[in-house]
Amino acid sequence: MTQDQFTQQDPTEQHAAPGSGDRTIDHPGRTAEMDVRPDHGEDTYRGTGRLTGKKTVVTGGDSGIGRAVAIAFAREGADVLITHLDAEQQDADETARLVRDAGRTAVTLAVDLRDQARCQETVDRAVAEFGHIDVLVSNAAYQMSQDGGIDDITTEQFDRVMHTNVYAMFWLCKAAVPHMPPGSSVITTSSVQAFQPSPHLLDYATSKAAIVAFTKGLGHNLADRGIRANSVAPGPVWTPLIPSTMDEKKLDGFGAQAPMGRAAQPAELAPFYVFLASQESSYMTSEVLGVTGGTPVT
């Protein structure tokens, strides 16, 4: 029998350890260039109708966690709009194909979300295509490892990290909320870095901590409108972001630091987004789900 996300197995052996490659690629990173191809659930995710008819937006949906979420949402019955950068068009087209193969509508939009107008454009396009938004997944992110930490992080890099990871989230939520009916869900992607920051990712960790605080406050802000806001905090996950922003030394053994002894594959994150998007999580808001392979998120 083909294994899916419900098949019981030893999680430490479910994917290769440490699960990462050792060759760097140019940013923003394309899946086809990776020496070890991530598992997005293409052959394993099995939907059960948990999101039937929902209209969803997934930023950074071309690859990595975003692609895994788009696949899962589609197989659960949702239509999906994904955003991506111009350089990621090939990956975006593949994600769209996988969504359409699931019998759902796929829309791709090439935008740089560091611009408020492009965030508004994203929401406007989703509303034009779908009529409203049931689920907004703010997932697109930028990082660039700097061994010297604060000594090596430039103001330009800090600004790019904050605009991509924090400003865009704020702008997207502000634009989307008026088009989200009761029962809708905002899902952000934070990180274990928000709780256990690495010096070489100081700016990225700071942005992820801001996402946690924003999400908790937004959940309270929107509770009386019947809209929930929660966050998924991944640990090490093997996506194009990693080999395109870290050197060979950090790639060697990436993920081995987790108690599970390996990096996660994007497919392992998708079920948590499905849960938060579905009515099953109706009494959950302002929460952070840690998917870290055992590293505490407190």
C-alpha atoms as a PDB file:
ATOM      1  CA  MET A   1       0.000   0.000   0.000  1.00  0.00           C
ATOM      2  CA  THR A   2       1.274   3.473  -0.837  1.00  0.00           C
ATOM      3  CA  GLN A   3       2.210   5.337   2.302  1.00  0.00           C
ATOM      4  CA  ASP A   4       0.444   8.601   3.100  1.00  0.00           C
ATOM      5  CA  GLN A   5       0.411  11.005   6.048  1.00  0.00           C
ATOM      6  CA  PHE A   6      -1.741   8.573   8.020  1.00  0.00           C
ATOM      7  CA  THR A   7       0.557   5.537   7.716  1.00  0.00           C
ATOM      8  CA  GLN A   8       2.137   4.701  11.092  1.00  0.00           C
ATOM      9  CA  GLN A   9       5.937   4.574  10.968  1.00  0.00           C
ATOM     10  CA  ASP A  10       9.014   5.512  12.969  1.00  0.00           C
ATOM     11  CA  PRO A  11       9.279   9.316  12.593  1.00  0.00           C
ATOM     12  CA  THR A  12      13.052   9.262  12.969  1.00  0.00           C
ATOM     13  CA  GLU A  13      13.229   7.030   9.892  1.00  0.00           C
ATOM     14  CA  GLN A  14      10.342   8.451   7.900  1.00  0.00           C
ATOM     15  CA  HIS A  15      12.787  10.549   5.878  1.00  0.00           C
ATOM     16  CA  ALA A  16      16.540  10.407   5.409  1.00  0.00           C
ATOM     17  CA  ALA A  17      18.762  11.847   8.147  1.00  0.00           C
ATOM     18  CA  PRO A  18      19.874  14.575   8.252  1.00  0.00           C
ATOM     19  CA  GLY A  19      17.680  15.049   5.168  1.00  0.00           C
ATOM     20  CA  SER A  20      19.639  17.890   3.620  1.00  0.00           C
ATOM     21  CA  GLY A  21      22.017  18.276   0.713  1.00  0.00           C
ATOM     22  CA  ASP A  22      25.435  19.875   0.700  1.00  0.00           C
ATOM     23  CA  ARG A  23      25.445  22.050  -2.439  1.00  0.00           C
ATOM     24  CA  THR A  24      24.588  25.742  -2.367  1.00  0.00           C
ATOM     25  CA  ILE A  25      22.386  27.353  -5.010  1.00  0.00           C
ATOM     26  CA  ASP A  26      21.733  30.950  -6.027  1.00  0.00           C
ATOM     27  CA  HIS A  27      19.001  32.880  -4.232  1.00  0.00           C
ATOM     28  CA  PRO A  28      15.993  32.750  -4.370  1.00  0.00           C
ATOM     29  CA  GLY A  29      16.551  29.059  -5.049  1.00  0.00           C
ATOM     30  CA  ARG A  30      14.688  26.740  -7.366  1.00  0.00           C
ATOM     31  CA  THR A  31      13.629  23.220  -6.515  1.00  0.00           C
ATOM     32  CA  ALA A  32      15.162  21.709  -9.658  1.00  0.00           C
ATOM     33  CA  GLU A  33      18.600  23.040  -8.667  1.00  0.00           C
ATOM     34  CA  MET A  34      18.681  21.267  -5.289  1.00  0.00           C
ATOM     35  CA  ASP A  35      20.916  18.213  -4.939  1.00  0.00           C
ATOM     36  CA  VAL A  36      18.373  16.591  -2.602  1.00  0.00           C
ATOM     37  CA  ARG A  37      14.802  17.155  -3.753  1.00  0.00           C
ATOM     38  CA  PRO A  38      12.308  17.975  -0.976  1.00  0.00           C
ATOM     39  CA  ASP A  39       9.147  15.960  -0.418  1.00  0.00           C
ATOM     40  CA  HIS A  40       6.111  18.242  -0.725  1.00  0.00           C
ATOM     41  CA  GLY A  41       3.600  15.418  -0.495  1.00  0.00           C
ATOM     42  CA  GLU A  42       3.229  15.049  -4.257  1.00  0.00           C
ATOM     43  CA  ASP A  43       2.988  11.266  -3.942  1.00  0.00           C
ATOM     44  CA  THR A  44       1.844  10.922  -0.335  1.00  0.00           C
ATOM     45  CA  TYR A  45      -0.657  13.564   0.798  1.00  0.00           C
ATOM     46  CA  ARG A  46      -4.206  12.170   0.875  1.00  0.00           C
ATOM     47  CA  GLY A  47      -7.074  14.596   1.286  1.00  0.00           C
ATOM     48  CA  THR A  48     -10.315  13.888   3.115  1.00  0.00           C
ATOM     49  CA  GLY A  49     -12.465  16.888   2.153  1.00  0.00           C
ATOM     50  CA  ARG A  50     -11.625  19.020   5.164  1.00  0.00           C
ATOM     51  CA  LEU A  51     -11.450  22.279   3.165  1.00  0.00           C
ATOM     52  CA  THR A  52     -14.101  21.648   0.527  1.00  0.00           C
ATOM     53  CA  GLY A  53     -15.016  24.833  -1.321  1.00  0.00           C
ATOM     54  CA  LYS A  54     -12.661  27.114   0.599  1.00  0.00           C
ATOM     55  CA  LYS A  55     -10.881  29.974  -1.170  1.00  0.00           C
ATOM     56  CA  THR A  56      -7.285  30.318  -0.063  1.00  0.00           C
ATOM     57  CA  VAL A  57      -4.183  32.445  -0.548  1.00  0.00           C
ATOM     58  CA  VAL A  58      -0.693  31.064   0.104  1.00  0.00           C
ATOM     59  CA  THR A  59       2.218  33.471  -0.227  1.00  0.00           C
ATOM     60  CA  GLY A  60       5.508  31.910  -1.206  1.00  0.00           C
ATOM     61  CA  GLY A  61       3.497  29.006  -2.540  1.00  0.00           C
ATOM     62  CA  ASP A  62       5.837  28.082  -5.359  1.00  0.00           C
ATOM     63  CA  SER A  63       8.153  25.806  -3.366  1.00  0.00           C
ATOM     64  CA  GLY A  64       9.034  24.485   0.069  1.00  0.00           C
ATOM     65  CA  ILE A  65       6.415  24.725   2.794  1.00  0.00           C
ATOM     66  CA  GLY A  66       4.212  26.888   0.572  1.00  0.00           C
ATOM     67  CA  ARG A  67       4.052  24.252  -2.151  1.00  0.00           C
ATOM     68  CA  ALA A  68       3.279  21.518   0.372  1.00  0.00           C
ATOM     69  CA  VAL A  69       0.464  23.637   1.816  1.00  0.00           C
ATOM     70  CA  ALA A  70      -0.956  24.405  -1.638  1.00  0.00           C
ATOM     71  CA  ILE A  71      -0.973  20.702  -2.535  1.00  0.00           C
ATOM     72  CA  ALA A  72      -2.631  19.757   0.747  1.00  0.00           C
ATOM     73  CA  PHE A  73      -5.238  22.522   0.518  1.00  0.00           C
ATOM     74  CA  ALA A  74      -6.144  21.493  -3.028  1.00  0.00           C
ATOM     75  CA  ARG A  75      -6.445  17.823  -2.125  1.00  0.00           C
ATOM     76  CA  GLU A  76      -8.677  18.828   0.783  1.00  0.00           C
ATOM     77  CA  GLY A  77     -10.966  20.612  -1.693  1.00  0.00           C
ATOM     78  CA  ALA A  78      -9.773  24.239  -1.704  1.00  0.00           C
ATOM     79  CA  ASP A  79      -8.995  26.617  -4.548  1.00  0.00           C
ATOM     80  CA  VAL A  80      -5.568  28.224  -4.178  1.00  0.00           C
ATOM     81  CA  LEU A  81      -3.877  31.461  -5.218  1.00  0.00           C
ATOM     82  CA  ILE A  82      -0.115  31.381  -4.720  1.00  0.00           C
ATOM     83  CA  THR A  83       2.357  34.246  -4.891  1.00  0.00           C
ATOM     84  CA  HIS A  84       5.964  33.945  -5.993  1.00  0.00           C
ATOM     85  CA  LEU A  85       8.874  36.003  -7.280  1.00  0.00           C
ATOM     86  CA  ASP A  86       9.505  36.398 -11.018  1.00  0.00           C
ATOM     87  CA  ALA A  87      12.545  34.102 -10.750  1.00  0.00           C
ATOM     88  CA  GLU A  88      10.367  31.386  -9.225  1.00  0.00           C
ATOM     89  CA  GLN A  89       7.923  31.092 -12.135  1.00  0.00           C
ATOM     90  CA  GLN A  90       8.975  27.550 -13.029  1.00  0.00           C
ATOM     91  CA  ASP A  91       8.352  26.328  -9.507  1.00  0.00           C
ATOM     92  CA  ALA A  92       5.057  28.231  -9.372  1.00  0.00           C
ATOM     93  CA  ASP A  93       3.872  26.597 -12.591  1.00  0.00           C
ATOM     94  CA  GLU A  94       4.609  23.161 -11.147  1.00  0.00           C
ATOM     95  CA  THR A  95       2.693  23.934  -7.964  1.00  0.00           C
ATOM     96  CA  ALA A  96      -0.237  25.189 -10.026  1.00  0.00           C
ATOM     97  CA  ARG A  97      -0.196  21.969 -12.056  1.00  0.00           C
ATOM     98  CA  LEU A  98      -0.379  19.917  -8.873  1.00  0.00           C
ATOM     99  CA  VAL A  99      -3.316  21.990  -7.606  1.00  0.00           C
ATOM    100  CA  ARG A 100      -5.164  21.574 -10.907  1.00  0.00           C
ATOM    101  CA  ASP A 101      -4.422  17.849 -10.934  1.00  0.00           C
ATOM    102  CA  ALA A 102      -6.386  17.732  -7.679  1.00  0.00           C
ATOM    103  CA  GLY A 103      -9.357  19.202  -9.543  1.00  0.00           C
ATOM    104  CA  ARG A 104      -9.124  22.665  -8.019  1.00  0.00           C
ATOM    105  CA  THR A 105      -8.558  26.175  -9.366  1.00  0.00           C
ATOM    106  CA  ALA A 106      -4.969  27.455  -9.228  1.00  0.00           C
ATOM    107  CA  VAL A 107      -3.937  31.079  -9.679  1.00  0.00           C
ATOM    108  CA  THR A 108      -0.300  32.194  -9.740  1.00  0.00           C
ATOM    109  CA  LEU A 109       0.796  35.764  -9.157  1.00  0.00           C
ATOM    110  CA  ALA A 110       4.360  37.057  -9.510  1.00  0.00           C
ATOM    111  CA  VAL A 111       4.770  39.822  -6.932  1.00  0.00           C
ATOM    112  CA  ASP A 112       7.409  41.260  -4.622  1.00  0.00           C
ATOM    113  CA  LEU A 113       5.490  41.616  -1.370  1.00  0.00           C
ATOM    114  CA  ARG A 114       7.909  44.189   0.035  1.00  0.00           C
ATOM    115  CA  ASP A 115       5.677  46.730  -1.727  1.00  0.00           C
ATOM    116  CA  GLN A 116       2.353  47.489  -0.047  1.00  0.00           C
ATOM    117  CA  ALA A 117       0.708  47.996  -3.430  1.00  0.00           C
ATOM    118  CA  ARG A 118       1.636  44.450  -4.471  1.00  0.00           C
ATOM    119  CA  CYS A 119       0.134  43.076  -1.260  1.00  0.00           C
ATOM    120  CA  GLN A 120      -3.082  44.913  -2.089  1.00  0.00           C
ATOM    121  CA  GLU A 121      -2.862  43.559  -5.641  1.00  0.00           C
ATOM    122  CA  THR A 122      -2.605  40.027  -4.249  1.00  0.00           C
ATOM    123  CA  VAL A 123      -5.772  40.412  -2.220  1.00  0.00           C
ATOM    124  CA  ASP A 124      -7.605  42.166  -5.061  1.00  0.00           C
ATOM    125  CA  ARG A 125      -6.719  39.335  -7.456  1.00  0.00           C
ATOM    126  CA  ALA A 126      -7.895  36.698  -4.983  1.00  0.00           C
ATOM    127  CA  VAL A 127     -11.206  38.478  -4.476  1.00  0.00           C
ATOM    128  CA  ALA A 128     -11.636  38.902  -8.243  1.00  0.00           C
ATOM    129  CA  GLU A 129     -10.985  35.190  -8.795  1.00  0.00           C
ATOM    130  CA  PHE A 130     -12.784  33.739  -5.790  1.00  0.00           C
ATOM    131  CA  GLY A 131     -15.200  36.379  -4.473  1.00  0.00           C
ATOM    132  CA  HIS A 132     -13.776  36.266  -0.953  1.00  0.00           C
ATOM    133  CA  ILE A 133     -10.918  34.732   1.079  1.00  0.00           C
ATOM    134  CA  ASP A 134     -11.465  31.945   3.598  1.00  0.00           C
ATOM    135  CA  VAL A 135      -7.817  31.280   4.447  1.00  0.00           C
ATOM    136  CA  LEU A 136      -4.801  33.580   4.231  1.00  0.00           C
ATOM    137  CA  VAL A 137      -1.424  31.891   4.702  1.00  0.00           C
ATOM    138  CA  SER A 138       1.349  34.464   5.133  1.00  0.00           C
ATOM    139  CA  ASN A 139       4.335  32.263   4.398  1.00  0.00           C
ATOM    140  CA  ALA A 140       6.744  34.076   2.047  1.00  0.00           C
ATOM    141  CA  ALA A 141      10.034  34.825   3.808  1.00  0.00           C
ATOM    142  CA  TYR A 142      13.601  35.988   3.328  1.00  0.00           C
ATOM    143  CA  GLN A 143      16.770  35.193   5.271  1.00  0.00           C
ATOM    144  CA  MET A 144      20.491  35.349   4.618  1.00  0.00           C
ATOM    145  CA  SER A 145      22.911  33.721   7.036  1.00  0.00           C
ATOM    146  CA  GLN A 146      25.738  35.957   8.309  1.00  0.00           C
ATOM    147  CA  ASP A 147      28.453  34.293  10.384  1.00  0.00           C
ATOM    148  CA  GLY A 148      29.340  37.540  12.141  1.00  0.00           C
ATOM    149  CA  GLY A 149      25.797  38.172  13.322  1.00  0.00           C
ATOM    150  CA  ILE A 150      25.183  41.828  14.079  1.00  0.00           C
ATOM    151  CA  ASP A 151      28.642  42.782  12.792  1.00  0.00           C
ATOM    152  CA  ASP A 152      27.852  41.422   9.321  1.00  0.00           C
ATOM    153  CA  ILE A 153      24.135  42.162   8.971  1.00  0.00           C
ATOM    154  CA  THR A 154      23.726  45.347   6.958  1.00  0.00           C
ATOM    155  CA  THR A 155      20.888  47.797   7.310  1.00  0.00           C
ATOM    156  CA  GLU A 156      19.892  46.901   3.751  1.00  0.00           C
ATOM    157  CA  GLN A 157      19.594  43.211   4.644  1.00  0.00           C
ATOM    158  CA  PHE A 158      17.756  43.961   7.897  1.00  0.00           C
ATOM    159  CA  ASP A 159      15.304  46.127   5.972  1.00  0.00           C
ATOM    160  CA  ARG A 160      14.724  43.401   3.367  1.00  0.00           C
ATOM    161  CA  VAL A 161      14.079  40.786   6.043  1.00  0.00           C
ATOM    162  CA  MET A 162      11.608  43.000   7.881  1.00  0.00           C
ATOM    163  CA  HIS A 163       9.732  44.110   4.778  1.00  0.00           C
ATOM    164  CA  THR A 164       9.447  40.567   3.426  1.00  0.00           C
ATOM    165  CA  ASN A 165       8.630  38.813   6.682  1.00  0.00           C
ATOM    166  CA  VAL A 166       6.801  41.408   8.778  1.00  0.00           C
ATOM    167  CA  TYR A 167       5.579  44.367   6.718  1.00  0.00           C
ATOM    168  CA  ALA A 168       4.126  42.123   4.009  1.00  0.00           C
ATOM    169  CA  MET A 169       2.276  40.069   6.610  1.00  0.00           C
ATOM    170  CA  PHE A 170       0.771  43.242   8.093  1.00  0.00           C
ATOM    171  CA  TRP A 171      -0.197  44.656   4.699  1.00  0.00           C
ATOM    172  CA  LEU A 172      -1.718  41.379   3.514  1.00  0.00           C
ATOM    173  CA  CYS A 173      -3.774  40.933   6.664  1.00  0.00           C
ATOM    174  CA  LYS A 174      -4.958  44.541   6.619  1.00  0.00           C
ATOM    175  CA  ALA A 175      -6.078  44.178   3.001  1.00  0.00           C
ATOM    176  CA  ALA A 176      -7.573  40.686   3.338  1.00  0.00           C
ATOM    177  CA  VAL A 177      -9.583  40.909   6.560  1.00  0.00           C
ATOM    178  CA  PRO A 178     -12.449  42.956   5.046  1.00  0.00           C
ATOM    179  CA  HIS A 179     -12.944  40.125   2.542  1.00  0.00           C
ATOM    180  CA  MET A 180     -12.859  37.286   5.084  1.00  0.00           C
ATOM    181  CA  PRO A 181     -16.226  35.977   6.375  1.00  0.00           C
ATOM    182  CA  PRO A 182     -16.789  34.557   9.852  1.00  0.00           C
ATOM    183  CA  GLY A 183     -15.139  31.167  10.123  1.00  0.00           C
ATOM    184  CA  SER A 184     -12.106  32.311   8.144  1.00  0.00           C
ATOM    185  CA  SER A 185      -8.532  31.766   9.234  1.00  0.00           C
ATOM    186  CA  VAL A 186      -5.238  33.658   9.086  1.00  0.00           C
ATOM    187  CA  ILE A 187      -2.184  31.413   9.351  1.00  0.00           C
ATOM    188  CA  THR A 188       1.324  32.814   9.645  1.00  0.00           C
ATOM    189  CA  THR A 189       4.624  31.004   9.377  1.00  0.00           C
ATOM    190  CA  SER A 190       6.883  31.841  12.305  1.00  0.00           C
ATOM    191  CA  SER A 191       9.839  29.667  13.344  1.00  0.00           C
ATOM    192  CA  VAL A 192      11.690  27.967  16.159  1.00  0.00           C
ATOM    193  CA  GLN A 193      14.085  30.881  15.599  1.00  0.00           C
ATOM    194  CA  ALA A 194      11.556  33.134  17.332  1.00  0.00           C
ATOM    195  CA  PHE A 195      12.169  31.184  20.537  1.00  0.00           C
ATOM    196  CA  GLN A 196      15.743  29.912  20.151  1.00  0.00           C
ATOM    197  CA  PRO A 197      17.490  32.458  17.896  1.00  0.00           C
ATOM    198  CA  SER A 198      20.741  31.636  16.118  1.00  0.00           C
ATOM    199  CA  PRO A 199      23.240  34.534  16.014  1.00  0.00           C
ATOM    200  CA  HIS A 200      23.902  34.026  12.294  1.00  0.00           C
ATOM    201  CA  LEU A 201      20.165  34.532  11.658  1.00  0.00           C
ATOM    202  CA  LEU A 202      19.689  37.385  14.124  1.00  0.00           C
ATOM    203  CA  ASP A 203      17.569  39.557  11.824  1.00  0.00           C
ATOM    204  CA  TYR A 204      15.472  36.618  10.614  1.00  0.00           C
ATOM    205  CA  ALA A 205      14.889  35.417  14.185  1.00  0.00           C
ATOM    206  CA  THR A 206      13.819  38.928  15.174  1.00  0.00           C
ATOM    207  CA  SER A 207      11.298  39.015  12.339  1.00  0.00           C
ATOM    208  CA  LYS A 208       9.885  35.634  13.335  1.00  0.00           C
ATOM    209  CA  ALA A 209       9.455  36.761  16.943  1.00  0.00           C
ATOM    210  CA  ALA A 210       7.530  39.762  15.595  1.00  0.00           C
ATOM    211  CA  ILE A 211       5.299  37.377  13.633  1.00  0.00           C
ATOM    212  CA  VAL A 212       4.503  35.459  16.823  1.00  0.00           C
ATOM    213  CA  ALA A 213       3.526  38.624  18.691  1.00  0.00           C
ATOM    214  CA  PHE A 214       1.524  39.958  15.758  1.00  0.00           C
ATOM    215  CA  THR A 215      -0.387  36.697  15.343  1.00  0.00           C
ATOM    216  CA  LYS A 216      -1.267  36.455  19.024  1.00  0.00           C
ATOM    217  CA  GLY A 217      -2.538  40.032  19.054  1.00  0.00           C
ATOM    218  CA  LEU A 218      -4.369  39.651  15.747  1.00  0.00           C
ATOM    219  CA  GLY A 219      -6.240  36.614  17.041  1.00  0.00           C
ATOM    220  CA  HIS A 220      -7.603  38.694  19.903  1.00  0.00           C
ATOM    221  CA  ASN A 221      -8.282  41.615  17.555  1.00  0.00           C
ATOM    222  CA  LEU A 222     -10.394  39.520  15.171  1.00  0.00           C
ATOM    223  CA  ALA A 223     -12.142  37.183  17.619  1.00  0.00           C
ATOM    224  CA  ASP A 224     -15.363  39.192  17.656  1.00  0.00           C
ATOM    225  CA  ARG A 225     -15.493  38.966  13.854  1.00  0.00           C
ATOM    226  CA  GLY A 226     -15.273  35.182  13.945  1.00  0.00           C
ATOM    227  CA  ILE A 227     -11.860  35.142  12.262  1.00  0.00           C
ATOM    228  CA  ARG A 228      -9.082  33.097  13.846  1.00  0.00           C
ATOM    229  CA  ALA A 229      -5.331  33.796  13.621  1.00  0.00           C
ATOM    230  CA  ASN A 230      -2.683  31.205  14.453  1.00  0.00           C
ATOM    231  CA  SER A 231       0.914  30.450  13.549  1.00  0.00           C
ATOM    232  CA  VAL A 232       2.971  27.408  12.610  1.00  0.00           C
ATOM    233  CA  ALA A 233       6.540  27.516  13.940  1.00  0.00           C
ATOM    234  CA  PRO A 234       8.703  25.113  11.938  1.00  0.00           C
ATOM    235  CA  GLY A 235      12.071  23.837  13.019  1.00  0.00           C
ATOM    236  CA  PRO A 236      14.668  22.984  10.361  1.00  0.00           C
ATOM    237  CA  VAL A 237      12.891  22.219   7.078  1.00  0.00           C
ATOM    238  CA  TRP A 238      14.627  21.283   3.830  1.00  0.00           C
ATOM    239  CA  THR A 239      13.474  23.884   1.282  1.00  0.00           C
ATOM    240  CA  PRO A 240      15.218  25.952  -1.446  1.00  0.00           C
ATOM    241  CA  LEU A 241      15.596  28.778   1.090  1.00  0.00           C
ATOM    242  CA  ILE A 242      18.237  26.789   2.960  1.00  0.00           C
ATOM    243  CA  PRO A 243      20.888  26.061   0.284  1.00  0.00           C
ATOM    244  CA  SER A 244      20.314  29.509  -1.246  1.00  0.00           C
ATOM    245  CA  THR A 245      21.047  31.376   2.009  1.00  0.00           C
ATOM    246  CA  MET A 246      23.578  29.218   3.879  1.00  0.00           C
ATOM    247  CA  ASP A 247      27.120  28.078   3.127  1.00  0.00           C
ATOM    248  CA  GLU A 248      28.321  24.486   2.686  1.00  0.00           C
ATOM    249  CA  LYS A 249      29.465  24.256   6.301  1.00  0.00           C
ATOM    250  CA  LYS A 250      25.965  24.950   7.612  1.00  0.00           C
ATOM    251  CA  LEU A 251      24.362  22.693   5.035  1.00  0.00           C
ATOM    252  CA  ASP A 252      26.481  19.782   6.223  1.00  0.00           C
ATOM    253  CA  GLY A 253      24.259  18.107   8.780  1.00  0.00           C
ATOM    254  CA  PHE A 254      21.448  20.699   8.546  1.00  0.00           C
ATOM    255  CA  GLY A 255      18.636  19.418  10.750  1.00  0.00           C
ATOM    256  CA  ALA A 256      20.791  17.014  12.727  1.00  0.00           C
ATOM    257  CA  GLN A 257      20.529  19.323  15.755  1.00  0.00           C
ATOM    258  CA  ALA A 258      16.828  18.504  16.175  1.00  0.00           C
ATOM    259  CA  PRO A 259      16.040  15.740  18.688  1.00  0.00           C
ATOM    260  CA  MET A 260      14.583  13.759  15.772  1.00  0.00           C
ATOM    261  CA  GLY A 261      18.063  13.854  14.251  1.00  0.00           C
ATOM    262  CA  ARG A 262      16.943  15.159  10.864  1.00  0.00           C
ATOM    263  CA  ALA A 263      15.366  18.060   9.026  1.00  0.00           C
ATOM    264  CA  ALA A 264      11.662  18.014   8.303  1.00  0.00           C
ATOM    265  CA  GLN A 265      10.350  17.671   4.790  1.00  0.00           C
ATOM    266  CA  PRO A 266       7.766  20.272   3.683  1.00  0.00           C
ATOM    267  CA  ALA A 267       5.100  17.563   3.461  1.00  0.00           C
ATOM    268  CA  GLU A 268       5.348  17.076   7.224  1.00  0.00           C
ATOM    269  CA  LEU A 269       4.306  20.680   7.850  1.00  0.00           C
ATOM    270  CA  ALA A 270       1.248  20.761   5.594  1.00  0.00           C
ATOM    271  CA  PRO A 271      -1.179  18.894   7.907  1.00  0.00           C
ATOM    272  CA  PHE A 272      -0.785  21.563  10.582  1.00  0.00           C
ATOM    273  CA  TYR A 273      -1.836  24.299   8.148  1.00  0.00           C
ATOM    274  CA  VAL A 274      -4.795  22.167   7.078  1.00  0.00           C
ATOM    275  CA  PHE A 275      -5.822  21.753  10.718  1.00  0.00           C
ATOM    276  CA  LEU A 276      -5.638  25.494  11.391  1.00  0.00           C
ATOM    277  CA  ALA A 277      -7.547  26.253   8.173  1.00  0.00           C
ATOM    278  CA  SER A 278     -10.298  23.760   8.970  1.00  0.00           C
ATOM    279  CA  GLN A 279     -13.271  23.974  11.311  1.00  0.00           C
ATOM    280  CA  GLU A 280     -11.616  21.342  13.500  1.00  0.00           C
ATOM    281  CA  SER A 281      -9.556  24.121  15.097  1.00  0.00           C
ATOM    282  CA  SER A 282     -12.627  26.295  15.776  1.00  0.00           C
ATOM    283  CA  TYR A 283     -11.697  26.994  19.420  1.00  0.00           C
ATOM    284  CA  MET A 284      -8.071  27.822  18.672  1.00  0.00           C
ATOM    285  CA  THR A 285      -6.815  31.333  18.053  1.00  0.00           C
ATOM    286  CA  SER A 286      -3.677  33.311  18.977  1.00  0.00           C
ATOM    287  CA  GLU A 287      -1.765  30.022  19.242  1.00  0.00           C
ATOM    288  CA  VAL A 288       1.598  28.847  17.900  1.00  0.00           C
ATOM    289  CA  LEU A 289       2.018  25.234  16.812  1.00  0.00           C
ATOM    290  CA  GLY A 290       5.634  24.114  17.073  1.00  0.00           C
ATOM    291  CA  VAL A 291       6.663  21.600  14.412  1.00  0.00           C
ATOM    292  CA  THR A 292      10.305  21.380  15.347  1.00  0.00           C
ATOM    293  CA  GLY A 293      11.295  17.730  15.665  1.00  0.00           C
ATOM    294  CA  GLY A 294      11.358  18.071  19.441  1.00  0.00           C
ATOM    295  CA  THR A 295      13.056  21.417  20.032  1.00  0.00           C
ATOM    296  CA  PRO A 296      10.964  23.313  22.620  1.00  0.00           C
ATOM    297  CA  VAL A 297       8.892  26.304  21.531  1.00  0.00           C
ATOM    298  CA  THR A 298       8.098  28.245  24.682  1.00  0.00           C
END
